[in-house]
Amino acid sequence: MELSIIGQEAIAAYLRQMKFKKRTFGGVDEDDALDKIEHITGMYRDLAEELQGQVEEMQQDIQRQEAERAELIARARREAEKIIMQAKVWAEQKEHETDRQLAGRRAEIEQLAKQRRDMETEMNNLLLQMKATIRLISGDLGQMLRLAGGVERKMDDGRTGNDAGNV
């Protein structure tokens, strides 16, 4: 861009200092004017070529930058897809791990529930046995008390009989 400004300034400076040869009769020397116009045209042509070169260079820069941008986007997409895939794998692993843990907990709960049922059944059986034993003991105790009462009366009778014989 700077070169085009320099080129434009050079043309403007040339035009300011340009002097035409005069003819003796009727104005300027045509050959001299045509030479100067050709020189100015050449300067503009050089400037146009320079500008064209700059435009082509800028277009190449733009294409290069667009290619770099496209590559960055593609790389970012690949990286994003990789991260998403890793996250999916991690989530699936966590899901499987959680399912295994949950199944283990369910098995533990079922085992504890079965143990509880078994203990309740055993406690009910023991309670029934204890009630039956208490009934037996109660019946035996009543019979023992009656026997003990009979023995005590006999002892009392025997003592009273011995006391009567001693008198």
C-alpha atoms as a PDB file:
ATOM      1  CA  MET A   1       0.000   0.000   0.000  1.00  0.00           C
ATOM      2  CA  GLU A   2       2.828   2.403   0.800  1.00  0.00           C
ATOM      3  CA  LEU A   3       4.379   1.854  -2.606  1.00  0.00           C
ATOM      4  CA  SER A   4       1.196   2.989  -4.360  1.00  0.00           C
ATOM      5  CA  ILE A   5       1.166   6.185  -2.299  1.00  0.00           C
ATOM      6  CA  ILE A   6       4.821   6.754  -3.160  1.00  0.00           C
ATOM      7  CA  GLY A   7       3.994   6.098  -6.820  1.00  0.00           C
ATOM      8  CA  GLN A   8       1.084   8.534  -6.757  1.00  0.00           C
ATOM      9  CA  GLU A   9       3.220  11.187  -5.088  1.00  0.00           C
ATOM     10  CA  ALA A  10       5.960  10.662  -7.683  1.00  0.00           C
ATOM     11  CA  ILE A  11       3.443  11.174 -10.485  1.00  0.00           C
ATOM     12  CA  ALA A  12       2.025  14.292  -8.824  1.00  0.00           C
ATOM     13  CA  ALA A  13       5.546  15.691  -8.287  1.00  0.00           C
ATOM     14  CA  TYR A  14       6.426  14.970 -11.928  1.00  0.00           C
ATOM     15  CA  LEU A  15       3.290  16.761 -13.105  1.00  0.00           C
ATOM     16  CA  ARG A  16       4.063  19.825 -10.944  1.00  0.00           C
ATOM     17  CA  GLN A  17       7.635  20.249 -12.239  1.00  0.00           C
ATOM     18  CA  MET A  18       6.780  19.265 -15.811  1.00  0.00           C
ATOM     19  CA  LYS A  19       7.431  21.954 -18.365  1.00  0.00           C
ATOM     20  CA  PHE A  20       6.549  21.741 -22.017  1.00  0.00           C
ATOM     21  CA  LYS A  21       8.839  22.959 -24.773  1.00  0.00           C
ATOM     22  CA  LYS A  22       7.350  25.842 -26.543  1.00  0.00           C
ATOM     23  CA  ARG A  23       7.178  26.190 -30.281  1.00  0.00           C
ATOM     24  CA  THR A  24       8.098  29.266 -31.904  1.00  0.00           C
ATOM     25  CA  PHE A  25       4.668  29.552 -33.409  1.00  0.00           C
ATOM     26  CA  GLY A  26       1.490  28.311 -31.773  1.00  0.00           C
ATOM     27  CA  GLY A  27       1.876  26.645 -28.408  1.00  0.00           C
ATOM     28  CA  VAL A  28       3.753  23.604 -27.262  1.00  0.00           C
ATOM     29  CA  ASP A  29       5.885  21.101 -29.082  1.00  0.00           C
ATOM     30  CA  GLU A  30       3.563  18.179 -29.857  1.00  0.00           C
ATOM     31  CA  ASP A  31       6.318  15.552 -29.812  1.00  0.00           C
ATOM     32  CA  ASP A  32       7.492  16.811 -26.441  1.00  0.00           C
ATOM     33  CA  ALA A  33       3.875  16.774 -25.090  1.00  0.00           C
ATOM     34  CA  LEU A  34       3.344  13.253 -26.440  1.00  0.00           C
ATOM     35  CA  ASP A  35       6.615  12.086 -24.854  1.00  0.00           C
ATOM     36  CA  LYS A  36       5.545  13.495 -21.525  1.00  0.00           C
ATOM     37  CA  ILE A  37       2.086  11.917 -21.808  1.00  0.00           C
ATOM     38  CA  GLU A  38       3.733   8.578 -22.647  1.00  0.00           C
ATOM     39  CA  HIS A  39       6.022   8.994 -19.661  1.00  0.00           C
ATOM     40  CA  ILE A  40       3.021   9.754 -17.375  1.00  0.00           C
ATOM     41  CA  THR A  41       1.143   6.791 -18.883  1.00  0.00           C
ATOM     42  CA  GLY A  42       4.143   4.570 -18.159  1.00  0.00           C
ATOM     43  CA  MET A  43       4.235   5.834 -14.592  1.00  0.00           C
ATOM     44  CA  TYR A  44       0.515   5.020 -14.180  1.00  0.00           C
ATOM     45  CA  ARG A  45       1.044   1.609 -15.803  1.00  0.00           C
ATOM     46  CA  ASP A  46       3.885   0.882 -13.368  1.00  0.00           C
ATOM     47  CA  LEU A  47       1.690   2.043 -10.516  1.00  0.00           C
ATOM     48  CA  ALA A  48      -1.220  -0.114 -11.764  1.00  0.00           C
ATOM     49  CA  GLU A  49       1.093  -3.161 -12.026  1.00  0.00           C
ATOM     50  CA  GLU A  50       2.406  -2.453  -8.559  1.00  0.00           C
ATOM     51  CA  LEU A  51      -1.154  -2.194  -7.240  1.00  0.00           C
ATOM     52  CA  GLN A  52      -2.119  -5.383  -9.098  1.00  0.00           C
ATOM     53  CA  GLY A  53       0.826  -7.146  -7.439  1.00  0.00           C
ATOM     54  CA  GLN A  54      -0.307  -5.879  -4.058  1.00  0.00           C
ATOM     55  CA  VAL A  55      -3.883  -7.034  -4.752  1.00  0.00           C
ATOM     56  CA  GLU A  56      -2.660 -10.480  -5.808  1.00  0.00           C
ATOM     57  CA  GLU A  57      -0.449 -10.665  -2.716  1.00  0.00           C
ATOM     58  CA  MET A  58      -3.400  -9.679  -0.522  1.00  0.00           C
ATOM     59  CA  GLN A  59      -5.612 -12.251  -2.239  1.00  0.00           C
ATOM     60  CA  GLN A  60      -2.976 -14.915  -1.578  1.00  0.00           C
ATOM     61  CA  ASP A  61      -2.796 -13.778   2.062  1.00  0.00           C
ATOM     62  CA  ILE A  62      -6.586 -13.967   2.296  1.00  0.00           C
ATOM     63  CA  GLN A  63      -6.611 -17.448   0.729  1.00  0.00           C
ATOM     64  CA  ARG A  64      -3.832 -18.566   3.071  1.00  0.00           C
ATOM     65  CA  GLN A  65      -5.676 -17.123   6.077  1.00  0.00           C
ATOM     66  CA  GLU A  66      -8.929 -18.747   4.943  1.00  0.00           C
ATOM     67  CA  ALA A  67      -7.119 -22.086   4.584  1.00  0.00           C
ATOM     68  CA  GLU A  68      -5.585 -21.653   8.049  1.00  0.00           C
ATOM     69  CA  ARG A  69      -9.003 -20.698   9.431  1.00  0.00           C
ATOM     70  CA  ALA A  70     -10.619 -23.726   7.787  1.00  0.00           C
ATOM     71  CA  GLU A  71      -7.860 -25.964   9.220  1.00  0.00           C
ATOM     72  CA  LEU A  72      -8.327 -24.428  12.685  1.00  0.00           C
ATOM     73  CA  ILE A  73     -12.077 -24.979  12.483  1.00  0.00           C
ATOM     74  CA  ALA A  74     -11.569 -28.564  11.303  1.00  0.00           C
ATOM     75  CA  ARG A  75      -9.037 -29.193  14.085  1.00  0.00           C
ATOM     76  CA  ALA A  76     -11.388 -27.624  16.643  1.00  0.00           C
ATOM     77  CA  ARG A  77     -14.261 -29.812  15.394  1.00  0.00           C
ATOM     78  CA  ARG A  78     -12.082 -32.931  15.599  1.00  0.00           C
ATOM     79  CA  GLU A  79     -11.012 -31.971  19.104  1.00  0.00           C
ATOM     80  CA  ALA A  80     -14.617 -31.238  20.105  1.00  0.00           C
ATOM     81  CA  GLU A  81     -15.754 -34.595  18.681  1.00  0.00           C
ATOM     82  CA  LYS A  82     -12.911 -36.300  20.551  1.00  0.00           C
ATOM     83  CA  ILE A  83     -13.905 -34.586  23.798  1.00  0.00           C
ATOM     84  CA  ILE A  84     -17.565 -35.472  23.244  1.00  0.00           C
ATOM     85  CA  MET A  85     -16.625 -39.092  22.524  1.00  0.00           C
ATOM     86  CA  GLN A  86     -14.480 -39.226  25.678  1.00  0.00           C
ATOM     87  CA  ALA A  87     -17.364 -37.746  27.674  1.00  0.00           C
ATOM     88  CA  LYS A  88     -19.761 -40.348  26.249  1.00  0.00           C
ATOM     89  CA  VAL A  89     -17.368 -43.181  27.096  1.00  0.00           C
ATOM     90  CA  TRP A  90     -16.867 -41.768  30.595  1.00  0.00           C
ATOM     91  CA  ALA A  91     -20.644 -41.399  31.072  1.00  0.00           C
ATOM     92  CA  GLU A  92     -21.250 -44.965  29.855  1.00  0.00           C
ATOM     93  CA  GLN A  93     -18.569 -46.270  32.215  1.00  0.00           C
ATOM     94  CA  LYS A  94     -20.092 -44.355  35.110  1.00  0.00           C
ATOM     95  CA  GLU A  95     -23.548 -45.645  34.153  1.00  0.00           C
ATOM     96  CA  HIS A  96     -22.299 -49.257  34.078  1.00  0.00           C
ATOM     97  CA  GLU A  97     -20.437 -48.759  37.348  1.00  0.00           C
ATOM     98  CA  THR A  98     -23.535 -47.256  38.943  1.00  0.00           C
ATOM     99  CA  ASP A  99     -25.681 -50.103  37.593  1.00  0.00           C
ATOM    100  CA  ARG A 100     -23.239 -52.653  39.067  1.00  0.00           C
ATOM    101  CA  GLN A 101     -23.219 -50.839  42.401  1.00  0.00           C
ATOM    102  CA  LEU A 102     -27.000 -50.577  42.352  1.00  0.00           C
ATOM    103  CA  ALA A 103     -27.333 -54.288  41.566  1.00  0.00           C
ATOM    104  CA  GLY A 104     -24.941 -55.049  44.437  1.00  0.00           C
ATOM    105  CA  ARG A 105     -26.954 -52.868  46.803  1.00  0.00           C
ATOM    106  CA  ARG A 106     -30.192 -54.513  45.678  1.00  0.00           C
ATOM    107  CA  ALA A 107     -28.661 -57.933  46.306  1.00  0.00           C
ATOM    108  CA  GLU A 108     -27.521 -56.789  49.763  1.00  0.00           C
ATOM    109  CA  ILE A 109     -30.983 -55.416  50.516  1.00  0.00           C
ATOM    110  CA  GLU A 110     -32.620 -58.642  49.340  1.00  0.00           C
ATOM    111  CA  GLN A 111     -30.197 -60.686  51.447  1.00  0.00           C
ATOM    112  CA  LEU A 112     -30.885 -58.517  54.507  1.00  0.00           C
ATOM    113  CA  ALA A 113     -34.651 -58.766  53.885  1.00  0.00           C
ATOM    114  CA  LYS A 114     -34.360 -62.570  53.667  1.00  0.00           C
ATOM    115  CA  GLN A 115     -32.303 -62.657  56.876  1.00  0.00           C
ATOM    116  CA  ARG A 116     -34.956 -60.521  58.556  1.00  0.00           C
ATOM    117  CA  ARG A 117     -37.748 -62.829  57.380  1.00  0.00           C
ATOM    118  CA  ASP A 118     -35.764 -65.870  58.546  1.00  0.00           C
ATOM    119  CA  MET A 119     -35.132 -64.231  61.939  1.00  0.00           C
ATOM    120  CA  GLU A 120     -38.806 -63.301  62.300  1.00  0.00           C
ATOM    121  CA  THR A 121     -39.793 -66.882  61.477  1.00  0.00           C
ATOM    122  CA  GLU A 122     -37.237 -68.204  63.970  1.00  0.00           C
ATOM    123  CA  MET A 123     -38.427 -65.731  66.616  1.00  0.00           C
ATOM    124  CA  ASN A 124     -42.058 -66.764  66.046  1.00  0.00           C
ATOM    125  CA  ASN A 125     -41.080 -70.429  66.348  1.00  0.00           C
ATOM    126  CA  LEU A 126     -39.128 -69.714  69.557  1.00  0.00           C
ATOM    127  CA  LEU A 127     -42.070 -67.732  70.924  1.00  0.00           C
ATOM    128  CA  LEU A 128     -44.412 -70.640  70.208  1.00  0.00           C
ATOM    129  CA  GLN A 129     -41.971 -73.049  71.868  1.00  0.00           C
ATOM    130  CA  MET A 130     -41.639 -70.748  74.874  1.00  0.00           C
ATOM    131  CA  LYS A 131     -45.441 -70.483  75.200  1.00  0.00           C
ATOM    132  CA  ALA A 132     -45.748 -74.261  75.028  1.00  0.00           C
ATOM    133  CA  THR A 133     -42.944 -74.644  77.589  1.00  0.00           C
ATOM    134  CA  ILE A 134     -44.581 -72.069  79.875  1.00  0.00           C
ATOM    135  CA  ARG A 135     -47.908 -73.968  79.596  1.00  0.00           C
ATOM    136  CA  LEU A 136     -46.138 -77.208  80.467  1.00  0.00           C
ATOM    137  CA  ILE A 137     -44.254 -75.579  83.323  1.00  0.00           C
ATOM    138  CA  SER A 138     -47.466 -73.929  84.560  1.00  0.00           C
ATOM    139  CA  GLY A 139     -49.265 -77.264  84.497  1.00  0.00           C
ATOM    140  CA  ASP A 140     -46.341 -79.026  86.164  1.00  0.00           C
ATOM    141  CA  LEU A 141     -46.004 -76.221  88.704  1.00  0.00           C
ATOM    142  CA  GLY A 142     -49.685 -76.507  89.642  1.00  0.00           C
ATOM    143  CA  GLN A 143     -49.288 -80.240  90.059  1.00  0.00           C
ATOM    144  CA  MET A 144     -46.097 -79.731  92.079  1.00  0.00           C
ATOM    145  CA  LEU A 145     -47.810 -77.227  94.299  1.00  0.00           C
ATOM    146  CA  ARG A 146     -50.659 -79.666  94.929  1.00  0.00           C
ATOM    147  CA  LEU A 147     -48.185 -82.434  95.695  1.00  0.00           C
ATOM    148  CA  ALA A 148     -46.182 -80.119  97.917  1.00  0.00           C
ATOM    149  CA  GLY A 149     -49.381 -79.146  99.703  1.00  0.00           C
ATOM    150  CA  GLY A 150     -50.242 -82.829 100.182  1.00  0.00           C
ATOM    151  CA  VAL A 151     -46.723 -83.565 101.461  1.00  0.00           C
ATOM    152  CA  GLU A 152     -46.923 -80.637 103.816  1.00  0.00           C
ATOM    153  CA  ARG A 153     -50.246 -81.842 105.200  1.00  0.00           C
ATOM    154  CA  LYS A 154     -48.853 -85.298 105.687  1.00  0.00           C
ATOM    155  CA  MET A 155     -45.906 -83.835 107.447  1.00  0.00           C
ATOM    156  CA  ASP A 156     -48.189 -81.744 109.593  1.00  0.00           C
ATOM    157  CA  ASP A 157     -50.328 -84.780 110.293  1.00  0.00           C
ATOM    158  CA  GLY A 158     -47.257 -86.798 111.117  1.00  0.00           C
ATOM    159  CA  ARG A 159     -46.025 -84.178 113.486  1.00  0.00           C
ATOM    160  CA  THR A 160     -49.323 -83.855 115.155  1.00  0.00           C
ATOM    161  CA  GLY A 161     -49.481 -87.589 115.566  1.00  0.00           C
ATOM    162  CA  ASN A 162     -46.020 -87.687 117.087  1.00  0.00           C
ATOM    163  CA  ASP A 163     -46.899 -84.896 119.420  1.00  0.00           C
ATOM    164  CA  ALA A 164     -49.989 -86.744 120.573  1.00  0.00           C
ATOM    165  CA  GLY A 165     -47.938 -89.902 121.286  1.00  0.00           C
ATOM    166  CA  ASN A 166     -45.417 -87.955 123.323  1.00  0.00           C
ATOM    167  CA  VAL A 167     -47.936 -86.550 125.640  1.00  0.00           C
END
